[in-house]
Amino acid sequence: MFKHILVPVDGSEHAGRAVDIAGDLAQRYGAKVTLLHVLTQAGGYQVPSELLAFEKIEHLRITEHDLIEGAGQEILTKAEQRARNHGAADCATLLESGDPAGHVVQTANGQNVDLIVMGRRGLGDLGGLLLGSVSHKVSQAVDCCCLTVK
């Protein structure tokens, strides 16, 4: 029934439960799972003042962008392990920057996704309550099935 499942992840509890369910569904249907994390802030390319001394001593340049991107990769790594622990054999990860809802829709449409499994509430701010959640925007914009997890 499902061949390709997309799971947007942000490190929240709801996203974690979505990964668990997607892993179980992937095992049942032999589906591929794509885990997507979208960085809402790309960060600057300057070295934060707190790391300037470290840069001089270690001769290693770490920018704010590097730190944010590293955190995004860590979220994806943990989500992939969690999906595999719940039965997903074929997992891929994607790290993007920009509007989360837009990237979820673009990925779903561009990769022939059959099902999107996503948390109902993520780590978004108050603006998400006022302007609409990512899950609501996505479910209104895609043609595939959407499963929203509490």
N, C-alpha and C. Protein backbone atom coordinates (compact mmCIF):
# COMPACT_ATOMS: atom_id res chain seq x y z
N MET A 1 0.81 -1.19 0.00
CA MET A 1 0.00 0.00 0.00
C MET A 1 0.86 1.26 0.00
N PHE A 2 1.85 1.34 0.90
CA PHE A 2 2.74 2.49 0.95
C PHE A 2 4.13 2.06 0.50
N LYS A 3 4.72 2.85 -0.40
CA LYS A 3 6.06 2.55 -0.91
C LYS A 3 7.10 3.54 -0.43
N HIS A 4 6.65 4.77 -0.14
CA HIS A 4 7.59 5.81 0.27
C HIS A 4 6.92 6.70 1.32
N ILE A 5 7.51 6.73 2.51
CA ILE A 5 6.97 7.49 3.64
C ILE A 5 7.92 8.64 3.96
N LEU A 6 7.38 9.84 4.06
CA LEU A 6 8.16 11.02 4.44
C LEU A 6 7.84 11.38 5.87
N VAL A 7 8.89 11.63 6.66
CA VAL A 7 8.70 12.01 8.06
C VAL A 7 9.50 13.28 8.34
N PRO A 8 8.82 14.41 8.47
CA PRO A 8 9.51 15.64 8.88
C PRO A 8 9.84 15.53 10.37
N VAL A 9 11.08 15.83 10.74
CA VAL A 9 11.49 15.72 12.15
C VAL A 9 12.12 17.03 12.61
N ASP A 10 11.85 17.37 13.87
CA ASP A 10 12.42 18.57 14.45
C ASP A 10 12.99 18.32 15.85
N GLY A 11 13.02 17.07 16.26
CA GLY A 11 13.53 16.74 17.59
C GLY A 11 12.47 16.76 18.67
N SER A 12 11.23 17.08 18.33
CA SER A 12 10.17 17.15 19.34
C SER A 12 9.65 15.75 19.67
N GLU A 13 8.90 15.68 20.76
CA GLU A 13 8.31 14.40 21.20
C GLU A 13 7.32 13.87 20.16
N HIS A 14 6.50 14.76 19.61
CA HIS A 14 5.52 14.32 18.60
C HIS A 14 6.23 13.80 17.35
N ALA A 15 7.30 14.45 16.94
CA ALA A 15 8.06 13.98 15.77
C ALA A 15 8.67 12.61 16.06
N GLY A 16 9.13 12.39 17.28
CA GLY A 16 9.68 11.09 17.66
C GLY A 16 8.65 9.99 17.55
N ARG A 17 7.44 10.27 17.99
CA ARG A 17 6.37 9.27 17.87
C ARG A 17 6.02 9.03 16.40
N ALA A 18 6.10 10.09 15.59
CA ALA A 18 5.85 9.93 14.15
C ALA A 18 6.90 9.02 13.53
N VAL A 19 8.14 9.15 13.95
CA VAL A 19 9.22 8.28 13.45
C VAL A 19 8.95 6.83 13.84
N ASP A 20 8.51 6.59 15.07
CA ASP A 20 8.19 5.24 15.51
C ASP A 20 7.11 4.61 14.64
N ILE A 21 6.06 5.35 14.39
CA ILE A 21 4.94 4.84 13.59
C ILE A 21 5.39 4.61 12.15
N ALA A 22 6.16 5.54 11.61
CA ALA A 22 6.64 5.39 10.23
C ALA A 22 7.55 4.16 10.10
N GLY A 23 8.38 3.92 11.10
CA GLY A 23 9.23 2.73 11.08
C GLY A 23 8.42 1.45 11.07
N ASP A 24 7.37 1.42 11.89
CA ASP A 24 6.49 0.25 11.93
C ASP A 24 5.77 0.06 10.59
N LEU A 25 5.24 1.14 10.03
CA LEU A 25 4.55 1.05 8.74
C LEU A 25 5.52 0.63 7.63
N ALA A 26 6.73 1.16 7.67
CA ALA A 26 7.73 0.80 6.66
C ALA A 26 8.03 -0.69 6.70
N GLN A 27 8.12 -1.24 7.90
CA GLN A 27 8.38 -2.68 8.03
C GLN A 27 7.20 -3.48 7.48
N ARG A 28 6.01 -3.07 7.80
CA ARG A 28 4.81 -3.79 7.35
C ARG A 28 4.65 -3.78 5.83
N TYR A 29 4.98 -2.65 5.21
CA TYR A 29 4.74 -2.49 3.78
C TYR A 29 6.01 -2.54 2.92
N GLY A 30 7.16 -2.73 3.56
CA GLY A 30 8.41 -2.73 2.81
C GLY A 30 8.69 -1.38 2.16
N ALA A 31 8.31 -0.32 2.85
CA ALA A 31 8.42 1.03 2.30
C ALA A 31 9.76 1.68 2.67
N LYS A 32 10.15 2.61 1.83
CA LYS A 32 11.32 3.47 2.10
C LYS A 32 10.85 4.60 3.01
N VAL A 33 11.71 5.01 3.93
CA VAL A 33 11.43 6.15 4.81
C VAL A 33 12.44 7.25 4.51
N THR A 34 11.93 8.44 4.27
CA THR A 34 12.79 9.61 4.13
C THR A 34 12.51 10.53 5.31
N LEU A 35 13.56 10.84 6.05
CA LEU A 35 13.47 11.73 7.20
C LEU A 35 13.97 13.09 6.76
N LEU A 36 13.18 14.13 7.02
CA LEU A 36 13.50 15.48 6.58
C LEU A 36 13.56 16.41 7.77
N HIS A 37 14.67 17.13 7.88
CA HIS A 37 14.78 18.19 8.89
C HIS A 37 15.04 19.49 8.15
N VAL A 38 14.28 20.53 8.50
CA VAL A 38 14.44 21.82 7.85
C VAL A 38 14.95 22.83 8.88
N LEU A 39 16.10 23.41 8.57
CA LEU A 39 16.67 24.46 9.41
C LEU A 39 15.91 25.75 9.13
N THR A 40 15.29 26.32 10.15
CA THR A 40 14.55 27.56 9.95
C THR A 40 15.48 28.77 10.01
N GLN A 41 16.65 28.59 10.59
CA GLN A 41 17.67 29.64 10.61
C GLN A 41 18.97 29.01 10.14
N ALA A 42 19.57 29.60 9.14
CA ALA A 42 20.81 29.04 8.61
C ALA A 42 22.02 29.43 9.45
N GLY A 43 21.94 30.53 10.18
CA GLY A 43 23.06 30.99 10.99
C GLY A 43 24.09 31.72 10.15
N GLY A 44 24.88 32.52 10.81
CA GLY A 44 25.91 33.30 10.14
C GLY A 44 27.18 32.50 9.89
N TYR A 45 28.03 33.06 9.08
CA TYR A 45 29.29 32.40 8.76
C TYR A 45 30.46 32.98 9.53
N GLN A 46 30.16 33.77 10.56
CA GLN A 46 31.20 34.29 11.43
C GLN A 46 31.41 33.31 12.59
N VAL A 47 32.59 33.35 13.15
CA VAL A 47 32.87 32.54 14.33
C VAL A 47 32.28 33.28 15.53
N PRO A 48 31.43 32.62 16.33
CA PRO A 48 30.88 33.27 17.52
C PRO A 48 32.01 33.72 18.44
N SER A 49 31.80 34.84 19.11
CA SER A 49 32.85 35.39 19.97
C SER A 49 33.31 34.39 21.03
N GLU A 50 32.40 33.53 21.48
CA GLU A 50 32.76 32.53 22.49
C GLU A 50 33.75 31.50 21.97
N LEU A 51 33.86 31.37 20.64
CA LEU A 51 34.75 30.36 20.05
C LEU A 51 36.00 30.95 19.42
N LEU A 52 36.20 32.26 19.52
CA LEU A 52 37.37 32.89 18.90
C LEU A 52 38.68 32.36 19.50
N ALA A 53 38.74 32.24 20.82
CA ALA A 53 39.95 31.72 21.46
C ALA A 53 40.20 30.27 21.04
N PHE A 54 39.14 29.48 20.96
CA PHE A 54 39.25 28.09 20.52
C PHE A 54 39.80 28.03 19.10
N GLU A 55 39.33 28.93 18.24
CA GLU A 55 39.80 28.96 16.85
C GLU A 55 41.30 29.23 16.79
N LYS A 56 41.75 30.18 17.62
CA LYS A 56 43.18 30.53 17.61
C LYS A 56 44.05 29.39 18.14
N ILE A 57 43.60 28.74 19.19
CA ILE A 57 44.38 27.67 19.81
C ILE A 57 44.38 26.41 18.94
N GLU A 58 43.22 26.00 18.50
CA GLU A 58 43.07 24.74 17.78
C GLU A 58 43.19 24.87 16.27
N HIS A 59 43.23 26.10 15.77
CA HIS A 59 43.28 26.34 14.32
C HIS A 59 42.11 25.65 13.62
N LEU A 60 40.96 25.77 14.23
CA LEU A 60 39.74 25.16 13.72
C LEU A 60 38.65 26.21 13.70
N ARG A 61 38.08 26.45 12.53
CA ARG A 61 37.06 27.48 12.37
C ARG A 61 35.66 26.83 12.44
N ILE A 62 34.88 27.23 13.45
CA ILE A 62 33.51 26.74 13.61
C ILE A 62 32.60 27.96 13.64
N THR A 63 31.70 28.03 12.66
CA THR A 63 30.78 29.16 12.57
C THR A 63 29.43 28.82 13.19
N GLU A 64 28.62 29.84 13.34
CA GLU A 64 27.26 29.63 13.83
C GLU A 64 26.51 28.69 12.88
N HIS A 65 26.71 28.85 11.58
CA HIS A 65 26.09 27.98 10.59
C HIS A 65 26.50 26.52 10.80
N ASP A 66 27.79 26.29 11.06
CA ASP A 66 28.28 24.94 11.31
C ASP A 66 27.59 24.31 12.52
N LEU A 67 27.42 25.10 13.57
CA LEU A 67 26.78 24.59 14.79
C LEU A 67 25.31 24.24 14.55
N ILE A 68 24.60 25.11 13.84
CA ILE A 68 23.18 24.86 13.56
C ILE A 68 23.03 23.65 12.64
N GLU A 69 23.86 23.59 11.61
CA GLU A 69 23.80 22.45 10.69
C GLU A 69 24.15 21.15 11.41
N GLY A 70 25.13 21.19 12.31
CA GLY A 70 25.49 20.01 13.09
C GLY A 70 24.35 19.53 13.97
N ALA A 71 23.62 20.48 14.55
CA ALA A 71 22.46 20.11 15.37
C ALA A 71 21.39 19.46 14.51
N GLY A 72 21.18 19.98 13.31
CA GLY A 72 20.21 19.38 12.38
C GLY A 72 20.60 17.97 11.99
N GLN A 73 21.88 17.78 11.71
CA GLN A 73 22.37 16.43 11.36
C GLN A 73 22.19 15.47 12.54
N GLU A 74 22.40 15.96 13.74
CA GLU A 74 22.22 15.11 14.93
C GLU A 74 20.75 14.69 15.09
N ILE A 75 19.84 15.60 14.84
CA ILE A 75 18.41 15.28 14.90
C ILE A 75 18.10 14.18 13.88
N LEU A 76 18.64 14.31 12.67
CA LEU A 76 18.41 13.30 11.64
C LEU A 76 19.03 11.96 11.99
N THR A 77 20.23 11.96 12.54
CA THR A 77 20.90 10.72 12.92
C THR A 77 20.09 9.96 13.98
N LYS A 78 19.62 10.69 14.98
CA LYS A 78 18.82 10.05 16.04
C LYS A 78 17.49 9.54 15.48
N ALA A 79 16.87 10.31 14.60
CA ALA A 79 15.60 9.88 14.00
C ALA A 79 15.80 8.64 13.14
N GLU A 80 16.90 8.60 12.38
CA GLU A 80 17.16 7.43 11.55
C GLU A 80 17.35 6.18 12.40
N GLN A 81 18.11 6.31 13.49
CA GLN A 81 18.30 5.15 14.37
C GLN A 81 16.98 4.70 14.98
N ARG A 82 16.17 5.65 15.34
CA ARG A 82 14.86 5.33 15.93
C ARG A 82 13.97 4.62 14.91
N ALA A 83 13.96 5.11 13.66
CA ALA A 83 13.16 4.48 12.60
C ALA A 83 13.63 3.05 12.36
N ARG A 84 14.94 2.85 12.32
CA ARG A 84 15.49 1.51 12.11
C ARG A 84 15.14 0.59 13.28
N ASN A 85 15.18 1.12 14.49
CA ASN A 85 14.82 0.33 15.67
C ASN A 85 13.35 -0.11 15.63
N HIS A 86 12.52 0.63 14.90
CA HIS A 86 11.10 0.29 14.78
C HIS A 86 10.78 -0.43 13.48
N GLY A 87 11.82 -0.87 12.77
CA GLY A 87 11.59 -1.76 11.64
C GLY A 87 11.89 -1.23 10.26
N ALA A 88 12.20 0.05 10.11
CA ALA A 88 12.50 0.59 8.78
C ALA A 88 13.87 0.11 8.32
N ALA A 89 13.91 -0.55 7.18
CA ALA A 89 15.17 -1.07 6.65
C ALA A 89 15.81 -0.09 5.66
N ASP A 90 15.00 0.65 4.94
CA ASP A 90 15.48 1.56 3.90
C ASP A 90 15.19 2.99 4.34
N CYS A 91 16.23 3.67 4.84
CA CYS A 91 16.07 5.04 5.34
C CYS A 91 16.99 5.99 4.60
N ALA A 92 16.49 7.18 4.34
CA ALA A 92 17.29 8.26 3.78
C ALA A 92 17.04 9.50 4.62
N THR A 93 18.01 10.42 4.63
CA THR A 93 17.85 11.66 5.37
C THR A 93 18.09 12.85 4.45
N LEU A 94 17.38 13.92 4.74
CA LEU A 94 17.53 15.18 4.00
C LEU A 94 17.60 16.33 4.99
N LEU A 95 18.54 17.23 4.76
CA LEU A 95 18.66 18.44 5.57
C LEU A 95 18.50 19.63 4.63
N GLU A 96 17.50 20.46 4.90
CA GLU A 96 17.21 21.62 4.06
C GLU A 96 17.17 22.87 4.94
N SER A 97 17.16 24.03 4.32
CA SER A 97 17.03 25.31 5.03
C SER A 97 15.89 26.10 4.43
N GLY A 98 15.11 26.74 5.29
CA GLY A 98 14.04 27.60 4.80
C GLY A 98 12.72 27.35 5.51
N ASP A 99 11.65 27.41 4.74
CA ASP A 99 10.30 27.24 5.26
C ASP A 99 9.98 25.75 5.42
N PRO A 100 9.72 25.27 6.64
CA PRO A 100 9.48 23.85 6.84
C PRO A 100 8.31 23.30 6.01
N ALA A 101 7.17 23.95 6.04
CA ALA A 101 6.01 23.45 5.29
C ALA A 101 6.31 23.39 3.81
N GLY A 102 6.94 24.41 3.28
CA GLY A 102 7.28 24.44 1.86
C GLY A 102 8.20 23.31 1.45
N HIS A 103 9.20 23.02 2.28
CA HIS A 103 10.13 21.94 1.96
C HIS A 103 9.48 20.56 2.08
N VAL A 104 8.58 20.41 3.03
CA VAL A 104 7.87 19.12 3.17
C VAL A 104 7.03 18.88 1.92
N VAL A 105 6.29 19.89 1.50
CA VAL A 105 5.44 19.77 0.30
C VAL A 105 6.31 19.51 -0.93
N GLN A 106 7.38 20.26 -1.08
CA GLN A 106 8.28 20.10 -2.24
C GLN A 106 8.88 18.70 -2.27
N THR A 107 9.31 18.20 -1.13
CA THR A 107 9.91 16.86 -1.06
C THR A 107 8.86 15.79 -1.36
N ALA A 108 7.68 15.94 -0.78
CA ALA A 108 6.61 14.96 -1.01
C ALA A 108 6.26 14.89 -2.49
N ASN A 109 6.12 16.03 -3.13
CA ASN A 109 5.76 16.05 -4.54
C ASN A 109 6.91 15.60 -5.44
N GLY A 110 8.12 15.96 -5.09
CA GLY A 110 9.27 15.64 -5.93
C GLY A 110 9.75 14.21 -5.82
N GLN A 111 9.40 13.53 -4.74
CA GLN A 111 9.91 12.18 -4.54
C GLN A 111 8.80 11.13 -4.55
N ASN A 112 7.66 11.46 -5.05
CA ASN A 112 6.54 10.51 -5.15
C ASN A 112 6.24 9.82 -3.82
N VAL A 113 6.06 10.61 -2.80
CA VAL A 113 5.75 10.10 -1.47
C VAL A 113 4.28 9.67 -1.42
N ASP A 114 4.03 8.51 -0.83
CA ASP A 114 2.66 8.00 -0.66
C ASP A 114 2.01 8.46 0.63
N LEU A 115 2.86 8.68 1.65
CA LEU A 115 2.36 8.98 2.99
C LEU A 115 3.33 9.90 3.69
N ILE A 116 2.78 10.91 4.35
CA ILE A 116 3.57 11.77 5.24
C ILE A 116 3.10 11.49 6.65
N VAL A 117 4.05 11.15 7.53
CA VAL A 117 3.75 10.93 8.94
C VAL A 117 4.46 12.03 9.70
N MET A 118 3.69 12.88 10.40
CA MET A 118 4.30 14.02 11.08
C MET A 118 3.63 14.30 12.40
N GLY A 119 4.40 14.92 13.28
CA GLY A 119 3.87 15.31 14.58
C GLY A 119 2.88 16.45 14.44
N ARG A 120 1.89 16.43 15.31
CA ARG A 120 0.86 17.49 15.28
C ARG A 120 1.44 18.81 15.74
N ARG A 121 2.28 18.78 16.76
CA ARG A 121 2.94 19.99 17.27
C ARG A 121 4.42 19.72 17.34
N GLY A 122 5.19 20.67 16.89
CA GLY A 122 6.64 20.54 16.94
C GLY A 122 7.22 21.53 17.93
N LEU A 123 8.42 21.98 17.61
CA LEU A 123 9.11 22.93 18.47
C LEU A 123 8.90 24.36 18.03
N GLY A 124 7.91 24.60 17.16
CA GLY A 124 7.64 25.94 16.65
C GLY A 124 7.24 26.89 17.75
N ASP A 125 7.26 28.18 17.43
CA ASP A 125 6.96 29.21 18.41
C ASP A 125 5.47 29.57 18.40
N LEU A 126 5.13 30.62 19.10
CA LEU A 126 3.75 31.09 19.19
C LEU A 126 3.20 31.44 17.82
N GLY A 127 4.05 31.87 16.91
CA GLY A 127 3.61 32.20 15.56
C GLY A 127 2.92 31.03 14.89
N GLY A 128 3.36 29.82 15.19
CA GLY A 128 2.73 28.63 14.63
C GLY A 128 1.28 28.50 15.05
N LEU A 129 0.98 28.92 16.27
CA LEU A 129 -0.41 28.87 16.74
C LEU A 129 -1.26 29.92 16.04
N LEU A 130 -0.66 31.07 15.77
CA LEU A 130 -1.40 32.17 15.17
C LEU A 130 -1.52 32.03 13.65
N LEU A 131 -0.47 31.52 13.00
CA LEU A 131 -0.45 31.47 11.55
C LEU A 131 -0.77 30.08 10.99
N GLY A 132 -0.90 29.10 11.84
CA GLY A 132 -1.17 27.74 11.38
C GLY A 132 0.06 26.87 11.50
N SER A 133 -0.14 25.65 11.91
CA SER A 133 0.98 24.76 12.12
C SER A 133 1.51 24.22 10.79
N VAL A 134 2.73 23.71 10.82
CA VAL A 134 3.33 23.09 9.64
C VAL A 134 2.47 21.91 9.21
N SER A 135 2.02 21.09 10.16
CA SER A 135 1.22 19.91 9.79
C SER A 135 -0.07 20.31 9.09
N HIS A 136 -0.70 21.38 9.52
CA HIS A 136 -1.93 21.83 8.88
C HIS A 136 -1.64 22.34 7.48
N LYS A 137 -0.61 23.16 7.33
CA LYS A 137 -0.25 23.68 6.01
C LYS A 137 0.08 22.55 5.03
N VAL A 138 0.85 21.58 5.50
CA VAL A 138 1.24 20.46 4.64
C VAL A 138 0.02 19.65 4.22
N SER A 139 -0.83 19.32 5.17
CA SER A 139 -1.99 18.47 4.85
C SER A 139 -2.92 19.15 3.85
N GLN A 140 -2.95 20.46 3.83
CA GLN A 140 -3.79 21.19 2.88
C GLN A 140 -3.15 21.29 1.50
N ALA A 141 -1.83 21.12 1.41
CA ALA A 141 -1.11 21.39 0.15
C ALA A 141 -0.68 20.16 -0.63
N VAL A 142 -0.76 18.97 -0.05
CA VAL A 142 -0.29 17.77 -0.75
C VAL A 142 -1.46 16.88 -1.16
N ASP A 143 -1.20 16.03 -2.15
CA ASP A 143 -2.23 15.10 -2.62
C ASP A 143 -2.14 13.73 -1.95
N CYS A 144 -0.98 13.43 -1.34
CA CYS A 144 -0.82 12.11 -0.71
C CYS A 144 -1.49 12.08 0.66
N CYS A 145 -1.54 10.90 1.24
CA CYS A 145 -2.11 10.71 2.57
C CYS A 145 -1.21 11.35 3.62
N CYS A 146 -1.83 11.88 4.67
CA CYS A 146 -1.10 12.47 5.79
C CYS A 146 -1.60 11.85 7.09
N LEU A 147 -0.67 11.44 7.90
CA LEU A 147 -1.00 10.91 9.23
C LEU A 147 -0.36 11.84 10.24
N THR A 148 -1.20 12.47 11.06
CA THR A 148 -0.72 13.41 12.07
C THR A 148 -0.73 12.72 13.41
N VAL A 149 0.39 12.80 14.13
CA VAL A 149 0.61 12.05 15.37
C VAL A 149 0.63 13.00 16.56
N LYS A 150 -0.06 12.60 17.64
CA LYS A 150 -0.03 13.35 18.90
C LYS A 150 1.03 12.78 19.79
